[in-house]
Amino acid sequence: MEKDFEVPLSEVNIIENTWFKGLYKDTPTYLVYFPYAQHYLSDSPGHYSHTGSEEEMIQQYKSLDLAAIPEYSVESYRQMFKVGFIVNKLFILLLIISLIF
């Protein structure tokens, strides 16, 4: 990445901070973006592309249908953490029970 751009906070409209709610501030103190959307084109949820050169990336960007890409949501991560927590607790409980008997 050669450069980034600062976005004035007055031009930002955040409806809700859903990324680890309560861990981060609800409003940003500084905002930047990196042009050319390399990561957005290559590994957005529900969208993956094989980009081998800058020209391919530009062509993919021009033909990108943003309406077809689902909005990003952290809900799947929350569910993964919840299930992992429950499975871990059940596993520990089973180990304790097996040690007792």
PDB file of N, CA and C in Angstrom:
ATOM      1  N   MET A   1       0.843  -1.166   0.000  1.00  0.00           N
ATOM      2  CA  MET A   1       0.000   0.000   0.000  1.00  0.00           C
ATOM      3  C   MET A   1       0.893   1.236   0.000  1.00  0.00           C
ATOM      4  N   GLU A   2       0.631   2.085  -0.915  1.00  0.00           N
ATOM      5  CA  GLU A   2       1.471   3.263  -1.032  1.00  0.00           C
ATOM      6  C   GLU A   2       1.000   4.411  -0.151  1.00  0.00           C
ATOM      7  N   LYS A   3      -0.303   4.548   0.031  1.00  0.00           N
ATOM      8  CA  LYS A   3      -0.788   5.654   0.850  1.00  0.00           C
ATOM      9  C   LYS A   3      -2.162   5.351   1.401  1.00  0.00           C
ATOM     10  N   ASP A   4      -2.534   6.145   2.371  1.00  0.00           N
ATOM     11  CA  ASP A   4      -3.864   6.031   2.951  1.00  0.00           C
ATOM     12  C   ASP A   4      -4.504   7.411   2.917  1.00  0.00           C
ATOM     13  N   PHE A   5      -5.789   7.433   3.194  1.00  0.00           N
ATOM     14  CA  PHE A   5      -6.514   8.695   3.214  1.00  0.00           C
ATOM     15  C   PHE A   5      -7.243   8.829   4.538  1.00  0.00           C
ATOM     16  N   GLU A   6      -7.143  10.014   5.128  1.00  0.00           N
ATOM     17  CA  GLU A   6      -7.868  10.281   6.362  1.00  0.00           C
ATOM     18  C   GLU A   6      -9.277  10.722   6.011  1.00  0.00           C
ATOM     19  N   VAL A   7     -10.237  10.205   6.743  1.00  0.00           N
ATOM     20  CA  VAL A   7     -11.633  10.557   6.524  1.00  0.00           C
ATOM     21  C   VAL A   7     -12.064  11.474   7.666  1.00  0.00           C
ATOM     22  N   PRO A   8     -12.575  12.661   7.361  1.00  0.00           N
ATOM     23  CA  PRO A   8     -13.059  13.537   8.425  1.00  0.00           C
ATOM     24  C   PRO A   8     -14.208  12.863   9.182  1.00  0.00           C
ATOM     25  N   LEU A   9     -14.155  12.893  10.493  1.00  0.00           N
ATOM     26  CA  LEU A   9     -15.182  12.235  11.296  1.00  0.00           C
ATOM     27  C   LEU A   9     -16.570  12.821  11.060  1.00  0.00           C
ATOM     28  N   SER A  10     -16.621  14.073  10.616  1.00  0.00           N
ATOM     29  CA  SER A  10     -17.922  14.680  10.327  1.00  0.00           C
ATOM     30  C   SER A  10     -18.611  14.010   9.139  1.00  0.00           C
ATOM     31  N   GLU A  11     -17.856  13.273   8.325  1.00  0.00           N
ATOM     32  CA  GLU A  11     -18.427  12.592   7.164  1.00  0.00           C
ATOM     33  C   GLU A  11     -18.723  11.124   7.431  1.00  0.00           C
ATOM     34  N   VAL A  12     -18.575  10.686   8.685  1.00  0.00           N
ATOM     35  CA  VAL A  12     -18.788   9.286   9.034  1.00  0.00           C
ATOM     36  C   VAL A  12     -20.112   9.149   9.773  1.00  0.00           C
ATOM     37  N   ASN A  13     -20.898   8.167   9.373  1.00  0.00           N
ATOM     38  CA  ASN A  13     -22.164   7.896  10.032  1.00  0.00           C
ATOM     39  C   ASN A  13     -22.170   6.430  10.468  1.00  0.00           C
ATOM     40  N   ILE A  14     -21.874   6.188  11.728  1.00  0.00           N
ATOM     41  CA  ILE A  14     -21.858   4.831  12.251  1.00  0.00           C
ATOM     42  C   ILE A  14     -23.167   4.596  12.984  1.00  0.00           C
ATOM     43  N   ILE A  15     -23.918   3.606  12.524  1.00  0.00           N
ATOM     44  CA  ILE A  15     -25.201   3.299  13.147  1.00  0.00           C
ATOM     45  C   ILE A  15     -24.979   2.536  14.442  1.00  0.00           C
ATOM     46  N   GLU A  16     -24.099   1.520  14.384  1.00  0.00           N
ATOM     47  CA  GLU A  16     -23.849   0.710  15.566  1.00  0.00           C
ATOM     48  C   GLU A  16     -22.487   0.046  15.450  1.00  0.00           C
ATOM     49  N   ASN A  17     -21.721   0.065  16.520  1.00  0.00           N
ATOM     50  CA  ASN A  17     -20.452  -0.645  16.565  1.00  0.00           C
ATOM     51  C   ASN A  17     -20.750  -2.078  16.991  1.00  0.00           C
ATOM     52  N   THR A  18     -20.618  -3.028  16.056  1.00  0.00           N
ATOM     53  CA  THR A  18     -20.937  -4.419  16.369  1.00  0.00           C
ATOM     54  C   THR A  18     -19.687  -5.267  16.566  1.00  0.00           C
ATOM     55  N   TRP A  19     -18.527  -4.661  16.474  1.00  0.00           N
ATOM     56  CA  TRP A  19     -17.290  -5.426  16.619  1.00  0.00           C
ATOM     57  C   TRP A  19     -16.862  -5.410  18.079  1.00  0.00           C
ATOM     58  N   PHE A  20     -17.069  -6.528  18.784  1.00  0.00           N
ATOM     59  CA  PHE A  20     -16.745  -6.659  20.202  1.00  0.00           C
ATOM     60  C   PHE A  20     -17.327  -5.491  21.000  1.00  0.00           C
ATOM     61  N   LYS A  21     -18.627  -5.393  20.940  1.00  0.00           N
ATOM     62  CA  LYS A  21     -19.366  -4.324  21.606  1.00  0.00           C
ATOM     63  C   LYS A  21     -18.925  -4.196  23.062  1.00  0.00           C
ATOM     64  N   GLY A  22     -18.615  -2.995  23.478  1.00  0.00           N
ATOM     65  CA  GLY A  22     -18.177  -2.742  24.843  1.00  0.00           C
ATOM     66  C   GLY A  22     -16.670  -2.771  24.996  1.00  0.00           C
ATOM     67  N   LEU A  23     -15.969  -3.417  24.063  1.00  0.00           N
ATOM     68  CA  LEU A  23     -14.515  -3.473  24.138  1.00  0.00           C
ATOM     69  C   LEU A  23     -13.895  -2.243  23.487  1.00  0.00           C
ATOM     70  N   TYR A  24     -14.520  -1.810  22.407  1.00  0.00           N
ATOM     71  CA  TYR A  24     -14.050  -0.623  21.701  1.00  0.00           C
ATOM     72  C   TYR A  24     -15.035   0.521  21.895  1.00  0.00           C
ATOM     73  N   LYS A  25     -14.557   1.731  21.667  1.00  0.00           N
ATOM     74  CA  LYS A  25     -15.428   2.897  21.764  1.00  0.00           C
ATOM     75  C   LYS A  25     -16.526   2.817  20.712  1.00  0.00           C
ATOM     76  N   ASP A  26     -17.657   3.430  21.016  1.00  0.00           N
ATOM     77  CA  ASP A  26     -18.771   3.433  20.066  1.00  0.00           C
ATOM     78  C   ASP A  26     -18.513   4.352  18.878  1.00  0.00           C
ATOM     79  N   THR A  27     -17.691   5.363  19.076  1.00  0.00           N
ATOM     80  CA  THR A  27     -17.370   6.280  17.983  1.00  0.00           C
ATOM     81  C   THR A  27     -15.855   6.310  17.793  1.00  0.00           C
ATOM     82  N   PRO A  28     -15.399   6.378  16.552  1.00  0.00           N
ATOM     83  CA  PRO A  28     -13.956   6.387  16.299  1.00  0.00           C
ATOM     84  C   PRO A  28     -13.328   7.728  16.660  1.00  0.00           C
ATOM     85  N   THR A  29     -12.042   7.691  16.949  1.00  0.00           N
ATOM     86  CA  THR A  29     -11.304   8.931  17.191  1.00  0.00           C
ATOM     87  C   THR A  29     -10.487   9.318  15.963  1.00  0.00           C
ATOM     88  N   TYR A  30     -10.275   8.339  15.093  1.00  0.00           N
ATOM     89  CA  TYR A  30      -9.481   8.581  13.887  1.00  0.00           C
ATOM     90  C   TYR A  30      -9.890   7.547  12.855  1.00  0.00           C
ATOM     91  N   LEU A  31     -10.016   7.931  11.610  1.00  0.00           N
ATOM     92  CA  LEU A  31     -10.460   6.997  10.584  1.00  0.00           C
ATOM     93  C   LEU A  31      -9.636   7.190   9.316  1.00  0.00           C
ATOM     94  N   VAL A  32      -9.108   6.090   8.802  1.00  0.00           N
ATOM     95  CA  VAL A  32      -8.381   6.115   7.533  1.00  0.00           C
ATOM     96  C   VAL A  32      -8.885   4.975   6.661  1.00  0.00           C
ATOM     97  N   TYR A  33      -8.663   5.090   5.376  1.00  0.00           N
ATOM     98  CA  TYR A  33      -8.955   3.965   4.481  1.00  0.00           C
ATOM     99  C   TYR A  33      -7.819   3.853   3.484  1.00  0.00           C
ATOM    100  N   PHE A  34      -7.668   2.661   2.967  1.00  0.00           N
ATOM    101  CA  PHE A  34      -6.624   2.383   1.998  1.00  0.00           C
ATOM    102  C   PHE A  34      -7.282   2.157   0.649  1.00  0.00           C
ATOM    103  N   PRO A  35      -6.875   2.885  -0.364  1.00  0.00           N
ATOM    104  CA  PRO A  35      -7.515   2.766  -1.670  1.00  0.00           C
ATOM    105  C   PRO A  35      -7.198   1.440  -2.357  1.00  0.00           C
ATOM    106  N   TYR A  36      -7.921   1.187  -3.408  1.00  0.00           N
ATOM    107  CA  TYR A  36      -7.769   0.034  -4.296  1.00  0.00           C
ATOM    108  C   TYR A  36      -8.387  -1.245  -3.736  1.00  0.00           C
ATOM    109  N   ALA A  37      -8.792  -1.251  -2.498  1.00  0.00           N
ATOM    110  CA  ALA A  37      -9.592  -2.337  -1.920  1.00  0.00           C
ATOM    111  C   ALA A  37      -9.017  -3.726  -2.154  1.00  0.00           C
ATOM    112  N   GLN A  38      -7.719  -3.907  -1.954  1.00  0.00           N
ATOM    113  CA  GLN A  38      -7.105  -5.211  -2.184  1.00  0.00           C
ATOM    114  C   GLN A  38      -7.773  -6.299  -1.353  1.00  0.00           C
ATOM    115  N   HIS A  39      -7.933  -6.077  -0.080  1.00  0.00           N
ATOM    116  CA  HIS A  39      -8.492  -7.105   0.789  1.00  0.00           C
ATOM    117  C   HIS A  39      -9.990  -7.283   0.549  1.00  0.00           C
ATOM    118  N   TYR A  40     -10.660  -6.215   0.254  1.00  0.00           N
ATOM    119  CA  TYR A  40     -12.099  -6.305   0.005  1.00  0.00           C
ATOM    120  C   TYR A  40     -12.365  -7.193  -1.199  1.00  0.00           C
ATOM    121  N   LEU A  41     -11.555  -7.058  -2.219  1.00  0.00           N
ATOM    122  CA  LEU A  41     -11.748  -7.867  -3.418  1.00  0.00           C
ATOM    123  C   LEU A  41     -11.300  -9.301  -3.216  1.00  0.00           C
ATOM    124  N   SER A  42     -10.349  -9.532  -2.339  1.00  0.00           N
ATOM    125  CA  SER A  42      -9.764 -10.864  -2.255  1.00  0.00           C
ATOM    126  C   SER A  42     -10.400 -11.764  -1.204  1.00  0.00           C
ATOM    127  N   ASP A  43     -10.896 -11.191  -0.105  1.00  0.00           N
ATOM    128  CA  ASP A  43     -11.355 -12.090   0.958  1.00  0.00           C
ATOM    129  C   ASP A  43     -12.497 -11.543   1.797  1.00  0.00           C
ATOM    130  N   SER A  44     -13.427 -10.882   1.178  1.00  0.00           N
ATOM    131  CA  SER A  44     -14.610 -10.441   1.908  1.00  0.00           C
ATOM    132  C   SER A  44     -15.492 -11.644   2.202  1.00  0.00           C
ATOM    133  N   PRO A  45     -16.239 -11.607   3.305  1.00  0.00           N
ATOM    134  CA  PRO A  45     -17.137 -12.743   3.594  1.00  0.00           C
ATOM    135  C   PRO A  45     -18.086 -13.002   2.426  1.00  0.00           C
ATOM    136  N   GLY A  46     -18.122 -14.251   1.982  1.00  0.00           N
ATOM    137  CA  GLY A  46     -19.000 -14.609   0.876  1.00  0.00           C
ATOM    138  C   GLY A  46     -18.446 -14.284  -0.489  1.00  0.00           C
ATOM    139  N   HIS A  47     -17.234 -13.759  -0.556  1.00  0.00           N
ATOM    140  CA  HIS A  47     -16.658 -13.368  -1.842  1.00  0.00           C
ATOM    141  C   HIS A  47     -15.162 -13.657  -1.802  1.00  0.00           C
ATOM    142  N   TYR A  48     -14.687 -14.405  -2.788  1.00  0.00           N
ATOM    143  CA  TYR A  48     -13.257 -14.707  -2.878  1.00  0.00           C
ATOM    144  C   TYR A  48     -12.831 -14.628  -4.328  1.00  0.00           C
ATOM    145  N   SER A  49     -11.685 -14.041  -4.572  1.00  0.00           N
ATOM    146  CA  SER A  49     -11.206 -13.940  -5.947  1.00  0.00           C
ATOM    147  C   SER A  49      -9.708 -14.204  -5.985  1.00  0.00           C
ATOM    148  N   HIS A  50      -9.256 -14.694  -7.107  1.00  0.00           N
ATOM    149  CA  HIS A  50      -7.827 -14.934  -7.320  1.00  0.00           C
ATOM    150  C   HIS A  50      -7.294 -13.763  -8.138  1.00  0.00           C
ATOM    151  N   THR A  51      -6.579 -12.862  -7.498  1.00  0.00           N
ATOM    152  CA  THR A  51      -6.051 -11.692  -8.178  1.00  0.00           C
ATOM    153  C   THR A  51      -4.544 -11.857  -8.307  1.00  0.00           C
ATOM    154  N   GLY A  52      -4.058 -11.880  -9.536  1.00  0.00           N
ATOM    155  CA  GLY A  52      -2.634 -12.106  -9.768  1.00  0.00           C
ATOM    156  C   GLY A  52      -1.868 -10.855 -10.119  1.00  0.00           C
ATOM    157  N   SER A  53      -2.563  -9.782 -10.491  1.00  0.00           N
ATOM    158  CA  SER A  53      -1.864  -8.563 -10.882  1.00  0.00           C
ATOM    159  C   SER A  53      -2.750  -7.351 -10.604  1.00  0.00           C
ATOM    160  N   GLU A  54      -2.146  -6.201 -10.695  1.00  0.00           N
ATOM    161  CA  GLU A  54      -2.890  -4.957 -10.481  1.00  0.00           C
ATOM    162  C   GLU A  54      -3.969  -4.788 -11.543  1.00  0.00           C
ATOM    163  N   GLU A  55      -3.662  -5.174 -12.787  1.00  0.00           N
ATOM    164  CA  GLU A  55      -4.635  -5.045 -13.872  1.00  0.00           C
ATOM    165  C   GLU A  55      -5.855  -5.937 -13.619  1.00  0.00           C
ATOM    166  N   GLU A  56      -5.617  -7.174 -13.147  1.00  0.00           N
ATOM    167  CA  GLU A  56      -6.731  -8.070 -12.821  1.00  0.00           C
ATOM    168  C   GLU A  56      -7.581  -7.488 -11.701  1.00  0.00           C
ATOM    169  N   MET A  57      -6.920  -6.907 -10.703  1.00  0.00           N
ATOM    170  CA  MET A  57      -7.647  -6.328  -9.581  1.00  0.00           C
ATOM    171  C   MET A  57      -8.535  -5.172 -10.055  1.00  0.00           C
ATOM    172  N   ILE A  58      -7.999  -4.341 -10.929  1.00  0.00           N
ATOM    173  CA  ILE A  58      -8.780  -3.207 -11.450  1.00  0.00           C
ATOM    174  C   ILE A  58      -9.974  -3.717 -12.250  1.00  0.00           C
ATOM    175  N   GLN A  59      -9.766  -4.748 -13.070  1.00  0.00           N
ATOM    176  CA  GLN A  59     -10.865  -5.320 -13.852  1.00  0.00           C
ATOM    177  C   GLN A  59     -11.921  -5.921 -12.935  1.00  0.00           C
ATOM    178  N   GLN A  60     -11.491  -6.641 -11.893  1.00  0.00           N
ATOM    179  CA  GLN A  60     -12.443  -7.222 -10.950  1.00  0.00           C
ATOM    180  C   GLN A  60     -13.208  -6.127 -10.217  1.00  0.00           C
ATOM    181  N   TYR A  61     -12.516  -5.058  -9.870  1.00  0.00           N
ATOM    182  CA  TYR A  61     -13.175  -3.942  -9.187  1.00  0.00           C
ATOM    183  C   TYR A  61     -14.253  -3.330 -10.075  1.00  0.00           C
ATOM    184  N   LYS A  62     -13.933  -3.140 -11.337  1.00  0.00           N
ATOM    185  CA  LYS A  62     -14.893  -2.528 -12.259  1.00  0.00           C
ATOM    186  C   LYS A  62     -16.120  -3.412 -12.483  1.00  0.00           C
ATOM    187  N   SER A  63     -15.944  -4.733 -12.389  1.00  0.00           N
ATOM    188  CA  SER A  63     -17.073  -5.639 -12.618  1.00  0.00           C
ATOM    189  C   SER A  63     -17.714  -6.109 -11.313  1.00  0.00           C
ATOM    190  N   LEU A  64     -17.317  -5.548 -10.195  1.00  0.00           N
ATOM    191  CA  LEU A  64     -17.816  -5.974  -8.887  1.00  0.00           C
ATOM    192  C   LEU A  64     -19.268  -5.538  -8.685  1.00  0.00           C
ATOM    193  N   ASP A  65     -20.097  -6.471  -8.271  1.00  0.00           N
ATOM    194  CA  ASP A  65     -21.492  -6.183  -7.961  1.00  0.00           C
ATOM    195  C   ASP A  65     -21.630  -6.106  -6.444  1.00  0.00           C
ATOM    196  N   LEU A  66     -21.544  -4.914  -5.905  1.00  0.00           N
ATOM    197  CA  LEU A  66     -21.561  -4.729  -4.452  1.00  0.00           C
ATOM    198  C   LEU A  66     -22.869  -5.180  -3.822  1.00  0.00           C
ATOM    199  N   ALA A  67     -23.947  -5.127  -4.575  1.00  0.00           N
ATOM    200  CA  ALA A  67     -25.243  -5.538  -4.035  1.00  0.00           C
ATOM    201  C   ALA A  67     -25.293  -7.046  -3.794  1.00  0.00           C
ATOM    202  N   ALA A  68     -24.447  -7.807  -4.489  1.00  0.00           N
ATOM    203  CA  ALA A  68     -24.451  -9.259  -4.343  1.00  0.00           C
ATOM    204  C   ALA A  68     -23.616  -9.735  -3.157  1.00  0.00           C
ATOM    205  N   ILE A  69     -22.765  -8.878  -2.627  1.00  0.00           N
ATOM    206  CA  ILE A  69     -21.914  -9.254  -1.500  1.00  0.00           C
ATOM    207  C   ILE A  69     -22.677  -8.947  -0.213  1.00  0.00           C
ATOM    208  N   PRO A  70     -22.845  -9.938   0.661  1.00  0.00           N
ATOM    209  CA  PRO A  70     -23.607  -9.692   1.893  1.00  0.00           C
ATOM    210  C   PRO A  70     -22.879  -8.720   2.822  1.00  0.00           C
ATOM    211  N   GLU A  71     -23.663  -8.003   3.621  1.00  0.00           N
ATOM    212  CA  GLU A  71     -23.066  -7.093   4.599  1.00  0.00           C
ATOM    213  C   GLU A  71     -22.307  -7.892   5.637  1.00  0.00           C
ATOM    214  N   TYR A  72     -21.211  -7.314   6.119  1.00  0.00           N
ATOM    215  CA  TYR A  72     -20.387  -7.996   7.110  1.00  0.00           C
ATOM    216  C   TYR A  72     -21.091  -7.974   8.460  1.00  0.00           C
ATOM    217  N   SER A  73     -21.071  -9.100   9.129  1.00  0.00           N
ATOM    218  CA  SER A  73     -21.670  -9.199  10.447  1.00  0.00           C
ATOM    219  C   SER A  73     -20.761 -10.037  11.336  1.00  0.00           C
ATOM    220  N   VAL A  74     -20.643  -9.645  12.586  1.00  0.00           N
ATOM    221  CA  VAL A  74     -19.826 -10.403  13.542  1.00  0.00           C
ATOM    222  C   VAL A  74     -20.648 -11.474  14.243  1.00  0.00           C
ATOM    223  N   GLU A  75     -21.906 -11.634  13.869  1.00  0.00           N
ATOM    224  CA  GLU A  75     -22.772 -12.594  14.546  1.00  0.00           C
ATOM    225  C   GLU A  75     -22.225 -14.017  14.461  1.00  0.00           C
ATOM    226  N   SER A  76     -21.646 -14.387  13.332  1.00  0.00           N
ATOM    227  CA  SER A  76     -21.089 -15.743  13.208  1.00  0.00           C
ATOM    228  C   SER A  76     -19.938 -15.950  14.191  1.00  0.00           C
ATOM    229  N   TYR A  77     -19.141 -14.902  14.428  1.00  0.00           N
ATOM    230  CA  TYR A  77     -18.048 -15.013  15.401  1.00  0.00           C
ATOM    231  C   TYR A  77     -18.595 -15.130  16.818  1.00  0.00           C
ATOM    232  N   ARG A  78     -19.627 -14.378  17.103  1.00  0.00           N
ATOM    233  CA  ARG A  78     -20.247 -14.476  18.434  1.00  0.00           C
ATOM    234  C   ARG A  78     -20.768 -15.891  18.679  1.00  0.00           C
ATOM    235  N   GLN A  79     -21.455 -16.449  17.680  1.00  0.00           N
ATOM    236  CA  GLN A  79     -21.973 -17.805  17.815  1.00  0.00           C
ATOM    237  C   GLN A  79     -20.831 -18.807  18.004  1.00  0.00           C
ATOM    238  N   MET A  80     -19.748 -18.637  17.259  1.00  0.00           N
ATOM    239  CA  MET A  80     -18.606 -19.528  17.367  1.00  0.00           C
ATOM    240  C   MET A  80     -18.023 -19.485  18.778  1.00  0.00           C
ATOM    241  N   PHE A  81     -17.882 -18.293  19.350  1.00  0.00           N
ATOM    242  CA  PHE A  81     -17.357 -18.162  20.709  1.00  0.00           C
ATOM    243  C   PHE A  81     -18.303 -18.785  21.730  1.00  0.00           C
ATOM    244  N   LYS A  82     -19.604 -18.562  21.560  1.00  0.00           N
ATOM    245  CA  LYS A  82     -20.582 -19.130  22.491  1.00  0.00           C
ATOM    246  C   LYS A  82     -20.552 -20.655  22.460  1.00  0.00           C
ATOM    247  N   VAL A  83     -20.563 -21.229  21.260  1.00  0.00           N
ATOM    248  CA  VAL A  83     -20.528 -22.690  21.128  1.00  0.00           C
ATOM    249  C   VAL A  83     -19.220 -23.236  21.695  1.00  0.00           C
ATOM    250  N   GLY A  84     -18.112 -22.591  21.392  1.00  0.00           N
ATOM    251  CA  GLY A  84     -16.821 -23.025  21.924  1.00  0.00           C
ATOM    252  C   GLY A  84     -16.787 -22.982  23.440  1.00  0.00           C
ATOM    253  N   PHE A  85     -17.356 -21.948  24.019  1.00  0.00           N
ATOM    254  CA  PHE A  85     -17.403 -21.811  25.474  1.00  0.00           C
ATOM    255  C   PHE A  85     -18.218 -22.947  26.088  1.00  0.00           C
ATOM    256  N   ILE A  86     -19.385 -23.216  25.518  1.00  0.00           N
ATOM    257  CA  ILE A  86     -20.258 -24.273  26.049  1.00  0.00           C
ATOM    258  C   ILE A  86     -19.605 -25.648  25.894  1.00  0.00           C
ATOM    259  N   VAL A  87     -19.043 -25.928  24.718  1.00  0.00           N
ATOM    260  CA  VAL A  87     -18.386 -27.221  24.494  1.00  0.00           C
ATOM    261  C   VAL A  87     -17.213 -27.390  25.449  1.00  0.00           C
ATOM    262  N   ASN A  88     -16.449 -26.341  25.660  1.00  0.00           N
ATOM    263  CA  ASN A  88     -15.316 -26.398  26.580  1.00  0.00           C
ATOM    264  C   ASN A  88     -15.783 -26.708  28.002  1.00  0.00           C
ATOM    265  N   LYS A  89     -16.822 -26.032  28.447  1.00  0.00           N
ATOM    266  CA  LYS A  89     -17.343 -26.272  29.799  1.00  0.00           C
ATOM    267  C   LYS A  89     -17.873 -27.705  29.946  1.00  0.00           C
ATOM    268  N   LEU A  90     -18.576 -28.197  28.932  1.00  0.00           N
ATOM    269  CA  LEU A  90     -19.075 -29.573  28.978  1.00  0.00           C
ATOM    270  C   LEU A  90     -17.926 -30.583  29.005  1.00  0.00           C
ATOM    271  N   PHE A  91     -16.901 -30.346  28.226  1.00  0.00           N
ATOM    272  CA  PHE A  91     -15.747 -31.223  28.190  1.00  0.00           C
ATOM    273  C   PHE A  91     -15.053 -31.265  29.559  1.00  0.00           C
ATOM    274  N   ILE A  92     -14.860 -30.101  30.165  1.00  0.00           N
ATOM    275  CA  ILE A  92     -14.239 -30.048  31.499  1.00  0.00           C
ATOM    276  C   ILE A  92     -15.116 -30.754  32.519  1.00  0.00           C
ATOM    277  N   LEU A  93     -16.422 -30.544  32.436  1.00  0.00           N
ATOM    278  CA  LEU A  93     -17.344 -31.206  33.360  1.00  0.00           C
ATOM    279  C   LEU A  93     -17.260 -32.727  33.213  1.00  0.00           C
ATOM    280  N   LEU A  94     -17.215 -33.226  31.995  1.00  0.00           N
ATOM    281  CA  LEU A  94     -17.088 -34.662  31.746  1.00  0.00           C
ATOM    282  C   LEU A  94     -15.758 -35.193  32.283  1.00  0.00           C
ATOM    283  N   LEU A  95     -14.710 -34.428  32.143  1.00  0.00           N
ATOM    284  CA  LEU A  95     -13.405 -34.857  32.686  1.00  0.00           C
ATOM    285  C   LEU A  95     -13.444 -34.942  34.215  1.00  0.00           C
ATOM    286  N   ILE A  96     -14.067 -33.953  34.845  1.00  0.00           N
ATOM    287  CA  ILE A  96     -14.165 -33.958  36.297  1.00  0.00           C
ATOM    288  C   ILE A  96     -15.009 -35.140  36.772  1.00  0.00           C
ATOM    289  N   ILE A  97     -16.138 -35.386  36.093  1.00  0.00           N
ATOM    290  CA  ILE A  97     -16.988 -36.516  36.449  1.00  0.00           C
ATOM    291  C   ILE A  97     -16.236 -37.842  36.282  1.00  0.00           C
ATOM    292  N   SER A  98     -15.487 -37.964  35.184  1.00  0.00           N
ATOM    293  CA  SER A  98     -14.744 -39.210  34.964  1.00  0.00           C
ATOM    294  C   SER A  98     -13.634 -39.400  35.989  1.00  0.00           C
ATOM    295  N   LEU A  99     -13.060 -38.321  36.487  1.00  0.00           N
ATOM    296  CA  LEU A  99     -12.041 -38.440  37.547  1.00  0.00           C
ATOM    297  C   LEU A  99     -12.649 -38.837  38.876  1.00  0.00           C
ATOM    298  N   ILE A 100     -13.842 -38.374  39.145  1.00  0.00           N
ATOM    299  CA  ILE A 100     -14.517 -38.696  40.409  1.00  0.00           C
ATOM    300  C   ILE A 100     -14.908 -40.169  40.427  1.00  0.00           C
ATOM    301  N   PHE A 101     -15.407 -40.679  39.307  1.00  0.00           N
ATOM    302  CA  PHE A 101     -15.862 -42.067  39.268  1.00  0.00           C
ATOM    303  C   PHE A 101     -14.751 -42.907  38.707  1.00  0.00           C
TER     304      PHE A 101
END
